[in-house]
Amino acid sequence: MAKHNELGAWGEAVAADYLNREGYFVKDRDWHFGSHDIDLVAVSSDNETLVFVEVKTREHEDLSSAEDAVTVRKMRSIALCANEYIEQYNVEMDYRFDVISVIGNGRKITDIRHIADAFNPALL
């Protein structure tokens, strides 16, 4: 596996562990619909909200923040995938789109940032 893929997989595992510690239940990891994917699908700690999570992992943020890598195109892709997830599983609960940034080198975590309700695809 390429180094950036290894770092990304590590970041997703770190984000899933973080969500579990915060009381979320991670239902799915790396869920695909065609060429679209969602890194994590979780249920909020109050069991009322389905959370679609985009994870961005970086070794450092010298030039820009990890969240800046979540482009409008990526948001639309996540929304399309989430719509399919909602239809396939007959989801009847509220849902939202979060971003988690993991900064570290694949062994040591420097920072984790969780942006709840990071974007609304209806407003794109």
PDB file of N, CA and C in Angstrom:
ATOM      1  N   MET A   1       0.852  -1.182   0.000  1.00  0.00           N
ATOM      2  CA  MET A   1       0.000   0.000   0.000  1.00  0.00           C
ATOM      3  C   MET A   1       0.893   1.239   0.000  1.00  0.00           C
ATOM      4  N   ALA A   2       0.509   2.221  -0.788  1.00  0.00           N
ATOM      5  CA  ALA A   2       1.271   3.468  -0.865  1.00  0.00           C
ATOM      6  C   ALA A   2       1.239   4.192   0.482  1.00  0.00           C
ATOM      7  N   LYS A   3       2.282   4.967   0.754  1.00  0.00           N
ATOM      8  CA  LYS A   3       2.405   5.662   2.045  1.00  0.00           C
ATOM      9  C   LYS A   3       1.197   6.541   2.343  1.00  0.00           C
ATOM     10  N   HIS A   4       0.695   7.290   1.332  1.00  0.00           N
ATOM     11  CA  HIS A   4      -0.453   8.174   1.604  1.00  0.00           C
ATOM     12  C   HIS A   4      -1.708   7.362   1.889  1.00  0.00           C
ATOM     13  N   ASN A   5      -1.842   6.179   1.277  1.00  0.00           N
ATOM     14  CA  ASN A   5      -2.988   5.314   1.573  1.00  0.00           C
ATOM     15  C   ASN A   5      -2.896   4.751   2.986  1.00  0.00           C
ATOM     16  N   GLU A   6      -1.688   4.394   3.395  1.00  0.00           N
ATOM     17  CA  GLU A   6      -1.485   3.905   4.761  1.00  0.00           C
ATOM     18  C   GLU A   6      -1.816   4.991   5.770  1.00  0.00           C
ATOM     19  N   LEU A   7      -1.381   6.216   5.488  1.00  0.00           N
ATOM     20  CA  LEU A   7      -1.667   7.337   6.386  1.00  0.00           C
ATOM     21  C   LEU A   7      -3.171   7.583   6.463  1.00  0.00           C
ATOM     22  N   GLY A   8      -3.851   7.525   5.319  1.00  0.00           N
ATOM     23  CA  GLY A   8      -5.298   7.718   5.296  1.00  0.00           C
ATOM     24  C   GLY A   8      -6.036   6.646   6.075  1.00  0.00           C
ATOM     25  N   ALA A   9      -5.633   5.389   5.917  1.00  0.00           N
ATOM     26  CA  ALA A   9      -6.269   4.290   6.659  1.00  0.00           C
ATOM     27  C   ALA A   9      -6.031   4.449   8.157  1.00  0.00           C
ATOM     28  N   TRP A  10      -4.825   4.865   8.515  1.00  0.00           N
ATOM     29  CA  TRP A  10      -4.520   5.122   9.925  1.00  0.00           C
ATOM     30  C   TRP A  10      -5.418   6.239  10.459  1.00  0.00           C
ATOM     31  N   GLY A  11      -5.559   7.319   9.702  1.00  0.00           N
ATOM     32  CA  GLY A  11      -6.391   8.441  10.122  1.00  0.00           C
ATOM     33  C   GLY A  11      -7.848   8.048  10.311  1.00  0.00           C
ATOM     34  N   GLU A  12      -8.359   7.213   9.416  1.00  0.00           N
ATOM     35  CA  GLU A  12      -9.746   6.754   9.559  1.00  0.00           C
ATOM     36  C   GLU A  12      -9.908   5.907  10.820  1.00  0.00           C
ATOM     37  N   ALA A  13      -8.927   5.067  11.119  1.00  0.00           N
ATOM     38  CA  ALA A  13      -8.986   4.266  12.348  1.00  0.00           C
ATOM     39  C   ALA A  13      -8.937   5.162  13.583  1.00  0.00           C
ATOM     40  N   VAL A  14      -8.082   6.179  13.556  1.00  0.00           N
ATOM     41  CA  VAL A  14      -7.990   7.134  14.664  1.00  0.00           C
ATOM     42  C   VAL A  14      -9.326   7.856  14.836  1.00  0.00           C
ATOM     43  N   ALA A  15      -9.923   8.296  13.725  1.00  0.00           N
ATOM     44  CA  ALA A  15     -11.208   9.009  13.787  1.00  0.00           C
ATOM     45  C   ALA A  15     -12.310   8.105  14.331  1.00  0.00           C
ATOM     46  N   ALA A  16     -12.332   6.839  13.908  1.00  0.00           N
ATOM     47  CA  ALA A  16     -13.343   5.900  14.410  1.00  0.00           C
ATOM     48  C   ALA A  16     -13.177   5.694  15.913  1.00  0.00           C
ATOM     49  N   ASP A  17     -11.939   5.527  16.373  1.00  0.00           N
ATOM     50  CA  ASP A  17     -11.684   5.384  17.814  1.00  0.00           C
ATOM     51  C   ASP A  17     -12.121   6.636  18.569  1.00  0.00           C
ATOM     52  N   TYR A  18     -11.824   7.800  18.008  1.00  0.00           N
ATOM     53  CA  TYR A  18     -12.230   9.067  18.625  1.00  0.00           C
ATOM     54  C   TYR A  18     -13.754   9.119  18.781  1.00  0.00           C
ATOM     55  N   LEU A  19     -14.471   8.793  17.695  1.00  0.00           N
ATOM     56  CA  LEU A  19     -15.937   8.815  17.763  1.00  0.00           C
ATOM     57  C   LEU A  19     -16.454   7.846  18.810  1.00  0.00           C
ATOM     58  N   ASN A  20     -15.890   6.649  18.860  1.00  0.00           N
ATOM     59  CA  ASN A  20     -16.313   5.672  19.870  1.00  0.00           C
ATOM     60  C   ASN A  20     -16.103   6.205  21.279  1.00  0.00           C
ATOM     61  N   ARG A  21     -14.959   6.847  21.514  1.00  0.00           N
ATOM     62  CA  ARG A  21     -14.687   7.428  22.841  1.00  0.00           C
ATOM     63  C   ARG A  21     -15.686   8.536  23.181  1.00  0.00           C
ATOM     64  N   GLU A  22     -16.169   9.237  22.161  1.00  0.00           N
ATOM     65  CA  GLU A  22     -17.127  10.322  22.370  1.00  0.00           C
ATOM     66  C   GLU A  22     -18.569   9.819  22.471  1.00  0.00           C
ATOM     67  N   GLY A  23     -18.762   8.509  22.429  1.00  0.00           N
ATOM     68  CA  GLY A  23     -20.094   7.933  22.609  1.00  0.00           C
ATOM     69  C   GLY A  23     -20.849   7.641  21.326  1.00  0.00           C
ATOM     70  N   TYR A  24     -20.236   7.864  20.188  1.00  0.00           N
ATOM     71  CA  TYR A  24     -20.857   7.523  18.906  1.00  0.00           C
ATOM     72  C   TYR A  24     -20.746   6.021  18.684  1.00  0.00           C
ATOM     73  N   PHE A  25     -21.605   5.498  17.819  1.00  0.00           N
ATOM     74  CA  PHE A  25     -21.509   4.105  17.390  1.00  0.00           C
ATOM     75  C   PHE A  25     -21.172   4.118  15.903  1.00  0.00           C
ATOM     76  N   VAL A  26     -20.003   3.618  15.545  1.00  0.00           N
ATOM     77  CA  VAL A  26     -19.592   3.582  14.150  1.00  0.00           C
ATOM     78  C   VAL A  26     -20.220   2.351  13.497  1.00  0.00           C
ATOM     79  N   LYS A  27     -21.125   2.601  12.554  1.00  0.00           N
ATOM     80  CA  LYS A  27     -21.855   1.535  11.865  1.00  0.00           C
ATOM     81  C   LYS A  27     -21.092   0.995  10.666  1.00  0.00           C
ATOM     82  N   ASP A  28     -20.476   1.880   9.911  1.00  0.00           N
ATOM     83  CA  ASP A  28     -19.798   1.469   8.681  1.00  0.00           C
ATOM     84  C   ASP A  28     -18.533   2.276   8.483  1.00  0.00           C
ATOM     85  N   ARG A  29     -17.563   1.623   7.825  1.00  0.00           N
ATOM     86  CA  ARG A  29     -16.310   2.294   7.451  1.00  0.00           C
ATOM     87  C   ARG A  29     -16.088   2.084   5.961  1.00  0.00           C
ATOM     88  N   ASP A  30     -15.677   3.138   5.282  1.00  0.00           N
ATOM     89  CA  ASP A  30     -15.351   3.084   3.861  1.00  0.00           C
ATOM     90  C   ASP A  30     -16.518   2.514   3.039  1.00  0.00           C
ATOM     91  N   TRP A  31     -17.695   3.124   3.203  1.00  0.00           N
ATOM     92  CA  TRP A  31     -18.910   2.666   2.518  1.00  0.00           C
ATOM     93  C   TRP A  31     -18.944   3.246   1.109  1.00  0.00           C
ATOM     94  N   HIS A  32     -19.139   2.384   0.104  1.00  0.00           N
ATOM     95  CA  HIS A  32     -19.076   2.799  -1.302  1.00  0.00           C
ATOM     96  C   HIS A  32     -20.420   2.701  -2.015  1.00  0.00           C
ATOM     97  N   PHE A  33     -20.599   3.610  -2.937  1.00  0.00           N
ATOM     98  CA  PHE A  33     -21.679   3.562  -3.916  1.00  0.00           C
ATOM     99  C   PHE A  33     -21.060   3.975  -5.241  1.00  0.00           C
ATOM    100  N   GLY A  34     -20.823   3.008  -6.106  1.00  0.00           N
ATOM    101  CA  GLY A  34     -20.121   3.298  -7.353  1.00  0.00           C
ATOM    102  C   GLY A  34     -18.737   3.841  -7.048  1.00  0.00           C
ATOM    103  N   SER A  35     -18.406   4.976  -7.626  1.00  0.00           N
ATOM    104  CA  SER A  35     -17.092   5.577  -7.393  1.00  0.00           C
ATOM    105  C   SER A  35     -17.094   6.550  -6.217  1.00  0.00           C
ATOM    106  N   HIS A  36     -18.201   6.644  -5.510  1.00  0.00           N
ATOM    107  CA  HIS A  36     -18.338   7.556  -4.371  1.00  0.00           C
ATOM    108  C   HIS A  36     -18.145   6.769  -3.070  1.00  0.00           C
ATOM    109  N   ASP A  37     -17.649   7.453  -2.045  1.00  0.00           N
ATOM    110  CA  ASP A  37     -17.467   6.757  -0.769  1.00  0.00           C
ATOM    111  C   ASP A  37     -17.673   7.706   0.403  1.00  0.00           C
ATOM    112  N   ILE A  38     -17.974   7.079   1.526  1.00  0.00           N
ATOM    113  CA  ILE A  38     -18.081   7.784   2.807  1.00  0.00           C
ATOM    114  C   ILE A  38     -17.113   7.087   3.748  1.00  0.00           C
ATOM    115  N   ASP A  39     -16.254   7.859   4.388  1.00  0.00           N
ATOM    116  CA  ASP A  39     -15.234   7.270   5.246  1.00  0.00           C
ATOM    117  C   ASP A  39     -15.838   6.556   6.446  1.00  0.00           C
ATOM    118  N   LEU A  40     -16.721   7.249   7.170  1.00  0.00           N
ATOM    119  CA  LEU A  40     -17.349   6.666   8.354  1.00  0.00           C
ATOM    120  C   LEU A  40     -18.826   7.028   8.384  1.00  0.00           C
ATOM    121  N   VAL A  41     -19.636   6.075   8.814  1.00  0.00           N
ATOM    122  CA  VAL A  41     -21.053   6.332   9.073  1.00  0.00           C
ATOM    123  C   VAL A  41     -21.270   5.955  10.533  1.00  0.00           C
ATOM    124  N   ALA A  42     -21.774   6.900  11.314  1.00  0.00           N
ATOM    125  CA  ALA A  42     -21.918   6.677  12.752  1.00  0.00           C
ATOM    126  C   ALA A  42     -23.271   7.181  13.234  1.00  0.00           C
ATOM    127  N   VAL A  43     -23.661   6.699  14.396  1.00  0.00           N
ATOM    128  CA  VAL A  43     -24.860   7.193  15.074  1.00  0.00           C
ATOM    129  C   VAL A  43     -24.381   8.030  16.256  1.00  0.00           C
ATOM    130  N   SER A  44     -24.967   9.219  16.394  1.00  0.00           N
ATOM    131  CA  SER A  44     -24.565  10.140  17.461  1.00  0.00           C
ATOM    132  C   SER A  44     -24.787   9.526  18.840  1.00  0.00           C
ATOM    133  N   SER A  45     -24.149  10.105  19.824  1.00  0.00           N
ATOM    134  CA  SER A  45     -24.215   9.577  21.190  1.00  0.00           C
ATOM    135  C   SER A  45     -25.624   9.598  21.759  1.00  0.00           C
ATOM    136  N   ASP A  46     -26.495  10.469  21.246  1.00  0.00           N
ATOM    137  CA  ASP A  46     -27.883  10.502  21.724  1.00  0.00           C
ATOM    138  C   ASP A  46     -28.796   9.578  20.919  1.00  0.00           C
ATOM    139  N   ASN A  47     -28.233   8.824  19.978  1.00  0.00           N
ATOM    140  CA  ASN A  47     -28.970   7.881  19.123  1.00  0.00           C
ATOM    141  C   ASN A  47     -30.039   8.546  18.269  1.00  0.00           C
ATOM    142  N   GLU A  48     -29.907   9.825  18.001  1.00  0.00           N
ATOM    143  CA  GLU A  48     -30.929  10.526  17.230  1.00  0.00           C
ATOM    144  C   GLU A  48     -30.475  10.959  15.843  1.00  0.00           C
ATOM    145  N   THR A  49     -29.161  10.915  15.573  1.00  0.00           N
ATOM    146  CA  THR A  49     -28.652  11.455  14.323  1.00  0.00           C
ATOM    147  C   THR A  49     -27.668  10.485  13.669  1.00  0.00           C
ATOM    148  N   LEU A  50     -27.877  10.246  12.377  1.00  0.00           N
ATOM    149  CA  LEU A  50     -26.916   9.494  11.592  1.00  0.00           C
ATOM    150  C   LEU A  50     -25.889  10.489  11.074  1.00  0.00           C
ATOM    151  N   VAL A  51     -24.617  10.172  11.255  1.00  0.00           N
ATOM    152  CA  VAL A  51     -23.549  11.110  10.935  1.00  0.00           C
ATOM    153  C   VAL A  51     -22.657  10.514   9.841  1.00  0.00           C
ATOM    154  N   PHE A  52     -22.580  11.227   8.724  1.00  0.00           N
ATOM    155  CA  PHE A  52     -21.687  10.854   7.634  1.00  0.00           C
ATOM    156  C   PHE A  52     -20.404  11.656   7.836  1.00  0.00           C
ATOM    157  N   VAL A  53     -19.279  10.952   7.948  1.00  0.00           N
ATOM    158  CA  VAL A  53     -18.030  11.601   8.331  1.00  0.00           C
ATOM    159  C   VAL A  53     -16.982  11.487   7.221  1.00  0.00           C
ATOM    160  N   GLU A  54     -16.446  12.612   6.824  1.00  0.00           N
ATOM    161  CA  GLU A  54     -15.294  12.660   5.928  1.00  0.00           C
ATOM    162  C   GLU A  54     -14.062  12.869   6.808  1.00  0.00           C
ATOM    163  N   VAL A  55     -13.080  11.988   6.657  1.00  0.00           N
ATOM    164  CA  VAL A  55     -11.857  12.070   7.448  1.00  0.00           C
ATOM    165  C   VAL A  55     -10.730  12.568   6.554  1.00  0.00           C
ATOM    166  N   LYS A  56     -10.022  13.572   7.019  1.00  0.00           N
ATOM    167  CA  LYS A  56      -8.863  14.095   6.309  1.00  0.00           C
ATOM    168  C   LYS A  56      -7.652  13.949   7.219  1.00  0.00           C
ATOM    169  N   THR A  57      -6.633  13.272   6.695  1.00  0.00           N
ATOM    170  CA  THR A  57      -5.435  12.995   7.473  1.00  0.00           C
ATOM    171  C   THR A  57      -4.237  13.674   6.822  1.00  0.00           C
ATOM    172  N   ARG A  58      -3.448  14.334   7.630  1.00  0.00           N
ATOM    173  CA  ARG A  58      -2.249  15.015   7.150  1.00  0.00           C
ATOM    174  C   ARG A  58      -1.123  14.795   8.160  1.00  0.00           C
ATOM    175  N   GLU A  59       0.096  14.775   7.656  1.00  0.00           N
ATOM    176  CA  GLU A  59       1.246  14.700   8.559  1.00  0.00           C
ATOM    177  C   GLU A  59       1.466  16.040   9.236  1.00  0.00           C
ATOM    178  N   HIS A  60       1.176  17.121   8.514  1.00  0.00           N
ATOM    179  CA  HIS A  60       1.322  18.471   9.054  1.00  0.00           C
ATOM    180  C   HIS A  60       0.412  19.393   8.241  1.00  0.00           C
ATOM    181  N   GLU A  61       0.277  20.604   8.705  1.00  0.00           N
ATOM    182  CA  GLU A  61      -0.584  21.572   8.032  1.00  0.00           C
ATOM    183  C   GLU A  61       0.202  22.837   7.697  1.00  0.00           C
ATOM    184  N   ASP A  62       1.346  22.668   7.109  1.00  0.00           N
ATOM    185  CA  ASP A  62       2.193  23.818   6.787  1.00  0.00           C
ATOM    186  C   ASP A  62       1.538  24.783   5.804  1.00  0.00           C
ATOM    187  N   LEU A  63       0.848  24.248   4.795  1.00  0.00           N
ATOM    188  CA  LEU A  63       0.299  25.099   3.741  1.00  0.00           C
ATOM    189  C   LEU A  63      -1.190  25.387   3.886  1.00  0.00           C
ATOM    190  N   SER A  64      -1.948  24.411   4.347  1.00  0.00           N
ATOM    191  CA  SER A  64      -3.390  24.621   4.521  1.00  0.00           C
ATOM    192  C   SER A  64      -3.926  23.598   5.510  1.00  0.00           C
ATOM    193  N   SER A  65      -5.119  23.874   6.014  1.00  0.00           N
ATOM    194  CA  SER A  65      -5.723  22.951   6.969  1.00  0.00           C
ATOM    195  C   SER A  65      -6.273  21.739   6.240  1.00  0.00           C
ATOM    196  N   ALA A  66      -6.359  20.636   6.939  1.00  0.00           N
ATOM    197  CA  ALA A  66      -6.879  19.406   6.355  1.00  0.00           C
ATOM    198  C   ALA A  66      -8.321  19.602   5.886  1.00  0.00           C
ATOM    199  N   GLU A  67      -9.088  20.397   6.622  1.00  0.00           N
ATOM    200  CA  GLU A  67     -10.492  20.615   6.258  1.00  0.00           C
ATOM    201  C   GLU A  67     -10.620  21.284   4.892  1.00  0.00           C
ATOM    202  N   ASP A  68      -9.625  22.074   4.515  1.00  0.00           N
ATOM    203  CA  ASP A  68      -9.669  22.756   3.220  1.00  0.00           C
ATOM    204  C   ASP A  68      -9.683  21.774   2.053  1.00  0.00           C
ATOM    205  N   ALA A  69      -9.281  20.544   2.294  1.00  0.00           N
ATOM    206  CA  ALA A  69      -9.266  19.527   1.242  1.00  0.00           C
ATOM    207  C   ALA A  69     -10.661  18.963   0.956  1.00  0.00           C
ATOM    208  N   VAL A  70     -11.648  19.346   1.758  1.00  0.00           N
ATOM    209  CA  VAL A  70     -13.027  18.908   1.503  1.00  0.00           C
ATOM    210  C   VAL A  70     -13.656  19.952   0.575  1.00  0.00           C
ATOM    211  N   THR A  71     -13.533  19.688  -0.705  1.00  0.00           N
ATOM    212  CA  THR A  71     -13.993  20.616  -1.732  1.00  0.00           C
ATOM    213  C   THR A  71     -15.498  20.473  -1.967  1.00  0.00           C
ATOM    214  N   VAL A  72     -16.059  21.411  -2.697  1.00  0.00           N
ATOM    215  CA  VAL A  72     -17.480  21.326  -3.062  1.00  0.00           C
ATOM    216  C   VAL A  72     -17.731  20.041  -3.846  1.00  0.00           C
ATOM    217  N   ARG A  73     -16.824  19.696  -4.730  1.00  0.00           N
ATOM    218  CA  ARG A  73     -16.972  18.446  -5.498  1.00  0.00           C
ATOM    219  C   ARG A  73     -17.023  17.233  -4.564  1.00  0.00           C
ATOM    220  N   LYS A  74     -16.147  17.196  -3.551  1.00  0.00           N
ATOM    221  CA  LYS A  74     -16.138  16.092  -2.600  1.00  0.00           C
ATOM    222  C   LYS A  74     -17.424  16.090  -1.775  1.00  0.00           C
ATOM    223  N   MET A  75     -17.896  17.264  -1.368  1.00  0.00           N
ATOM    224  CA  MET A  75     -19.142  17.348  -0.611  1.00  0.00           C
ATOM    225  C   MET A  75     -20.302  16.776  -1.413  1.00  0.00           C
ATOM    226  N   ARG A  76     -20.356  17.104  -2.695  1.00  0.00           N
ATOM    227  CA  ARG A  76     -21.424  16.575  -3.551  1.00  0.00           C
ATOM    228  C   ARG A  76     -21.319  15.064  -3.681  1.00  0.00           C
ATOM    229  N   SER A  77     -20.114  14.553  -3.801  1.00  0.00           N
ATOM    230  CA  SER A  77     -19.898  13.113  -3.895  1.00  0.00           C
ATOM    231  C   SER A  77     -20.368  12.405  -2.614  1.00  0.00           C
ATOM    232  N   ILE A  78     -20.025  12.973  -1.473  1.00  0.00           N
ATOM    233  CA  ILE A  78     -20.447  12.414  -0.189  1.00  0.00           C
ATOM    234  C   ILE A  78     -21.972  12.441  -0.083  1.00  0.00           C
ATOM    235  N   ALA A  79     -22.584  13.540  -0.503  1.00  0.00           N
ATOM    236  CA  ALA A  79     -24.048  13.679  -0.437  1.00  0.00           C
ATOM    237  C   ALA A  79     -24.733  12.636  -1.317  1.00  0.00           C
ATOM    238  N   LEU A  80     -24.210  12.403  -2.510  1.00  0.00           N
ATOM    239  CA  LEU A  80     -24.773  11.398  -3.402  1.00  0.00           C
ATOM    240  C   LEU A  80     -24.698  10.011  -2.767  1.00  0.00           C
ATOM    241  N   CYS A  81     -23.559   9.714  -2.202  1.00  0.00           N
ATOM    242  CA  CYS A  81     -23.364   8.436  -1.530  1.00  0.00           C
ATOM    243  C   CYS A  81     -24.288   8.308  -0.307  1.00  0.00           C
ATOM    244  N   ALA A  82     -24.390   9.375   0.461  1.00  0.00           N
ATOM    245  CA  ALA A  82     -25.257   9.372   1.645  1.00  0.00           C
ATOM    246  C   ALA A  82     -26.709   9.155   1.264  1.00  0.00           C
ATOM    247  N   ASN A  83     -27.138   9.763   0.161  1.00  0.00           N
ATOM    248  CA  ASN A  83     -28.509   9.574  -0.300  1.00  0.00           C
ATOM    249  C   ASN A  83     -28.773   8.095  -0.589  1.00  0.00           C
ATOM    250  N   GLU A  84     -27.834   7.438  -1.237  1.00  0.00           N
ATOM    251  CA  GLU A  84     -27.978   6.009  -1.522  1.00  0.00           C
ATOM    252  C   GLU A  84     -28.016   5.200  -0.225  1.00  0.00           C
ATOM    253  N   TYR A  85     -27.173   5.552   0.727  1.00  0.00           N
ATOM    254  CA  TYR A  85     -27.145   4.871   2.023  1.00  0.00           C
ATOM    255  C   TYR A  85     -28.506   4.997   2.706  1.00  0.00           C
ATOM    256  N   ILE A  86     -29.040   6.207   2.725  1.00  0.00           N
ATOM    257  CA  ILE A  86     -30.333   6.471   3.356  1.00  0.00           C
ATOM    258  C   ILE A  86     -31.436   5.641   2.697  1.00  0.00           C
ATOM    259  N   GLU A  87     -31.423   5.574   1.373  1.00  0.00           N
ATOM    260  CA  GLU A  87     -32.434   4.793   0.650  1.00  0.00           C
ATOM    261  C   GLU A  87     -32.262   3.295   0.882  1.00  0.00           C
ATOM    262  N   GLN A  88     -31.034   2.803   0.800  1.00  0.00           N
ATOM    263  CA  GLN A  88     -30.781   1.364   0.961  1.00  0.00           C
ATOM    264  C   GLN A  88     -31.194   0.857   2.327  1.00  0.00           C
ATOM    265  N   TYR A  89     -30.920   1.652   3.356  1.00  0.00           N
ATOM    266  CA  TYR A  89     -31.179   1.206   4.728  1.00  0.00           C
ATOM    267  C   TYR A  89     -32.446   1.816   5.329  1.00  0.00           C
ATOM    268  N   ASN A  90     -33.250   2.470   4.502  1.00  0.00           N
ATOM    269  CA  ASN A  90     -34.504   3.076   4.969  1.00  0.00           C
ATOM    270  C   ASN A  90     -34.304   3.903   6.234  1.00  0.00           C
ATOM    271  N   VAL A  91     -33.320   4.767   6.208  1.00  0.00           N
ATOM    272  CA  VAL A  91     -32.991   5.605   7.366  1.00  0.00           C
ATOM    273  C   VAL A  91     -34.113   6.618   7.575  1.00  0.00           C
ATOM    274  N   GLU A  92     -34.619   6.657   8.803  1.00  0.00           N
ATOM    275  CA  GLU A  92     -35.691   7.587   9.128  1.00  0.00           C
ATOM    276  C   GLU A  92     -35.293   8.579  10.210  1.00  0.00           C
ATOM    277  N   MET A  93     -34.021   8.613  10.557  1.00  0.00           N
ATOM    278  CA  MET A  93     -33.560   9.547  11.581  1.00  0.00           C
ATOM    279  C   MET A  93     -32.936  10.771  10.918  1.00  0.00           C
ATOM    280  N   ASP A  94     -32.732  11.805  11.689  1.00  0.00           N
ATOM    281  CA  ASP A  94     -32.025  12.979  11.186  1.00  0.00           C
ATOM    282  C   ASP A  94     -30.611  12.569  10.797  1.00  0.00           C
ATOM    283  N   TYR A  95     -29.995  13.358   9.932  1.00  0.00           N
ATOM    284  CA  TYR A  95     -28.614  13.079   9.550  1.00  0.00           C
ATOM    285  C   TYR A  95     -27.871  14.389   9.347  1.00  0.00           C
ATOM    286  N   ARG A  96     -26.542  14.266   9.390  1.00  0.00           N
ATOM    287  CA  ARG A  96     -25.698  15.434   9.178  1.00  0.00           C
ATOM    288  C   ARG A  96     -24.359  14.981   8.594  1.00  0.00           C
ATOM    289  N   PHE A  97     -23.569  15.968   8.194  1.00  0.00           N
ATOM    290  CA  PHE A  97     -22.284  15.720   7.569  1.00  0.00           C
ATOM    291  C   PHE A  97     -21.188  16.382   8.397  1.00  0.00           C
ATOM    292  N   ASP A  98     -20.262  15.567   8.907  1.00  0.00           N
ATOM    293  CA  ASP A  98     -19.164  16.050   9.738  1.00  0.00           C
ATOM    294  C   ASP A  98     -17.835  15.863   9.013  1.00  0.00           C
ATOM    295  N   VAL A  99     -16.832  16.586   9.469  1.00  0.00           N
ATOM    296  CA  VAL A  99     -15.464  16.406   9.000  1.00  0.00           C
ATOM    297  C   VAL A  99     -14.583  16.224  10.230  1.00  0.00           C
ATOM    298  N   ILE A 100     -13.714  15.219  10.168  1.00  0.00           N
ATOM    299  CA  ILE A 100     -12.721  15.025  11.220  1.00  0.00           C
ATOM    300  C   ILE A 100     -11.346  15.123  10.579  1.00  0.00           C
ATOM    301  N   SER A 101     -10.518  15.988  11.134  1.00  0.00           N
ATOM    302  CA  SER A 101      -9.135  16.139  10.687  1.00  0.00           C
ATOM    303  C   SER A 101      -8.232  15.434  11.680  1.00  0.00           C
ATOM    304  N   VAL A 102      -7.367  14.590  11.159  1.00  0.00           N
ATOM    305  CA  VAL A 102      -6.378  13.902  11.984  1.00  0.00           C
ATOM    306  C   VAL A 102      -5.004  14.350  11.500  1.00  0.00           C
ATOM    307  N   ILE A 103      -4.225  14.914  12.405  1.00  0.00           N
ATOM    308  CA  ILE A 103      -2.879  15.345  12.078  1.00  0.00           C
ATOM    309  C   ILE A 103      -1.920  14.440  12.849  1.00  0.00           C
ATOM    310  N   GLY A 104      -1.016  13.810  12.099  1.00  0.00           N
ATOM    311  CA  GLY A 104      -0.045  12.910  12.723  1.00  0.00           C
ATOM    312  C   GLY A 104       0.735  12.166  11.662  1.00  0.00           C
ATOM    313  N   ASN A 105       1.640  11.319  12.112  1.00  0.00           N
ATOM    314  CA  ASN A 105       2.558  10.669  11.182  1.00  0.00           C
ATOM    315  C   ASN A 105       2.285   9.182  10.961  1.00  0.00           C
ATOM    316  N   GLY A 106       1.158   8.693  11.411  1.00  0.00           N
ATOM    317  CA  GLY A 106       0.852   7.276  11.265  1.00  0.00           C
ATOM    318  C   GLY A 106       1.174   6.482  12.516  1.00  0.00           C
ATOM    319  N   ARG A 107       1.847   7.115  13.458  1.00  0.00           N
ATOM    320  CA  ARG A 107       2.156   6.496  14.744  1.00  0.00           C
ATOM    321  C   ARG A 107       1.741   7.397  15.902  1.00  0.00           C
ATOM    322  N   LYS A 108       1.991   8.680  15.732  1.00  0.00           N
ATOM    323  CA  LYS A 108       1.718   9.648  16.792  1.00  0.00           C
ATOM    324  C   LYS A 108       0.702  10.671  16.301  1.00  0.00           C
ATOM    325  N   ILE A 109      -0.336  10.895  17.107  1.00  0.00           N
ATOM    326  CA  ILE A 109      -1.375  11.877  16.785  1.00  0.00           C
ATOM    327  C   ILE A 109      -0.931  13.232  17.325  1.00  0.00           C
ATOM    328  N   THR A 110      -0.909  14.221  16.444  1.00  0.00           N
ATOM    329  CA  THR A 110      -0.576  15.583  16.845  1.00  0.00           C
ATOM    330  C   THR A 110      -1.831  16.363  17.206  1.00  0.00           C
ATOM    331  N   ASP A 111      -2.919  16.141  16.436  1.00  0.00           N
ATOM    332  CA  ASP A 111      -4.161  16.894  16.654  1.00  0.00           C
ATOM    333  C   ASP A 111      -5.326  16.152  16.019  1.00  0.00           C
ATOM    334  N   ILE A 112      -6.486  16.267  16.635  1.00  0.00           N
ATOM    335  CA  ILE A 112      -7.751  15.782  16.064  1.00  0.00           C
ATOM    336  C   ILE A 112      -8.747  16.916  16.200  1.00  0.00           C
ATOM    337  N   ARG A 113      -9.416  17.245  15.088  1.00  0.00           N
ATOM    338  CA  ARG A 113     -10.474  18.261  15.117  1.00  0.00           C
ATOM    339  C   ARG A 113     -11.740  17.654  14.527  1.00  0.00           C
ATOM    340  N   HIS A 114     -12.828  17.819  15.241  1.00  0.00           N
ATOM    341  CA  HIS A 114     -14.128  17.316  14.796  1.00  0.00           C
ATOM    342  C   HIS A 114     -15.043  18.507  14.528  1.00  0.00           C
ATOM    343  N   ILE A 115     -15.421  18.659  13.278  1.00  0.00           N
ATOM    344  CA  ILE A 115     -16.342  19.738  12.912  1.00  0.00           C
ATOM    345  C   ILE A 115     -17.702  19.098  12.665  1.00  0.00           C
ATOM    346  N   ALA A 116     -18.589  19.226  13.638  1.00  0.00           N
ATOM    347  CA  ALA A 116     -19.939  18.689  13.510  1.00  0.00           C
ATOM    348  C   ALA A 116     -20.753  19.585  12.588  1.00  0.00           C
ATOM    349  N   ASP A 117     -21.596  18.967  11.773  1.00  0.00           N
ATOM    350  CA  ASP A 117     -22.444  19.701  10.839  1.00  0.00           C
ATOM    351  C   ASP A 117     -21.604  20.638   9.978  1.00  0.00           C
ATOM    352  N   ALA A 118     -20.534  20.082   9.408  1.00  0.00           N
ATOM    353  CA  ALA A 118     -19.536  20.862   8.663  1.00  0.00           C
ATOM    354  C   ALA A 118     -20.080  21.466   7.379  1.00  0.00           C
ATOM    355  N   PHE A 119     -21.024  20.774   6.754  1.00  0.00           N
ATOM    356  CA  PHE A 119     -21.598  21.312   5.508  1.00  0.00           C
ATOM    357  C   PHE A 119     -22.999  20.762   5.304  1.00  0.00           C
ATOM    358  N   ASN A 120     -23.754  21.479   4.496  1.00  0.00           N
ATOM    359  CA  ASN A 120     -25.113  21.082   4.132  1.00  0.00           C
ATOM    360  C   ASN A 120     -25.183  20.992   2.606  1.00  0.00           C
ATOM    361  N   PRO A 121     -25.283  19.787   2.063  1.00  0.00           N
ATOM    362  CA  PRO A 121     -25.287  19.633   0.596  1.00  0.00           C
ATOM    363  C   PRO A 121     -26.424  20.386  -0.100  1.00  0.00           C
ATOM    364  N   ALA A 122     -27.501  20.637   0.607  1.00  0.00           N
ATOM    365  CA  ALA A 122     -28.619  21.342   0.005  1.00  0.00           C
ATOM    366  C   ALA A 122     -28.251  22.793  -0.313  1.00  0.00           C
ATOM    367  N   LEU A 123     -27.208  23.305   0.328  1.00  0.00           N
ATOM    368  CA  LEU A 123     -26.810  24.694   0.135  1.00  0.00           C
ATOM    369  C   LEU A 123     -25.671  24.847  -0.879  1.00  0.00           C
ATOM    370  N   LEU A 124     -25.229  23.744  -1.461  1.00  0.00           N
ATOM    371  CA  LEU A 124     -24.108  23.804  -2.425  1.00  0.00           C
ATOM    372  C   LEU A 124     -24.568  24.259  -3.780  1.00  0.00           C
TER     373      LEU A 124
END
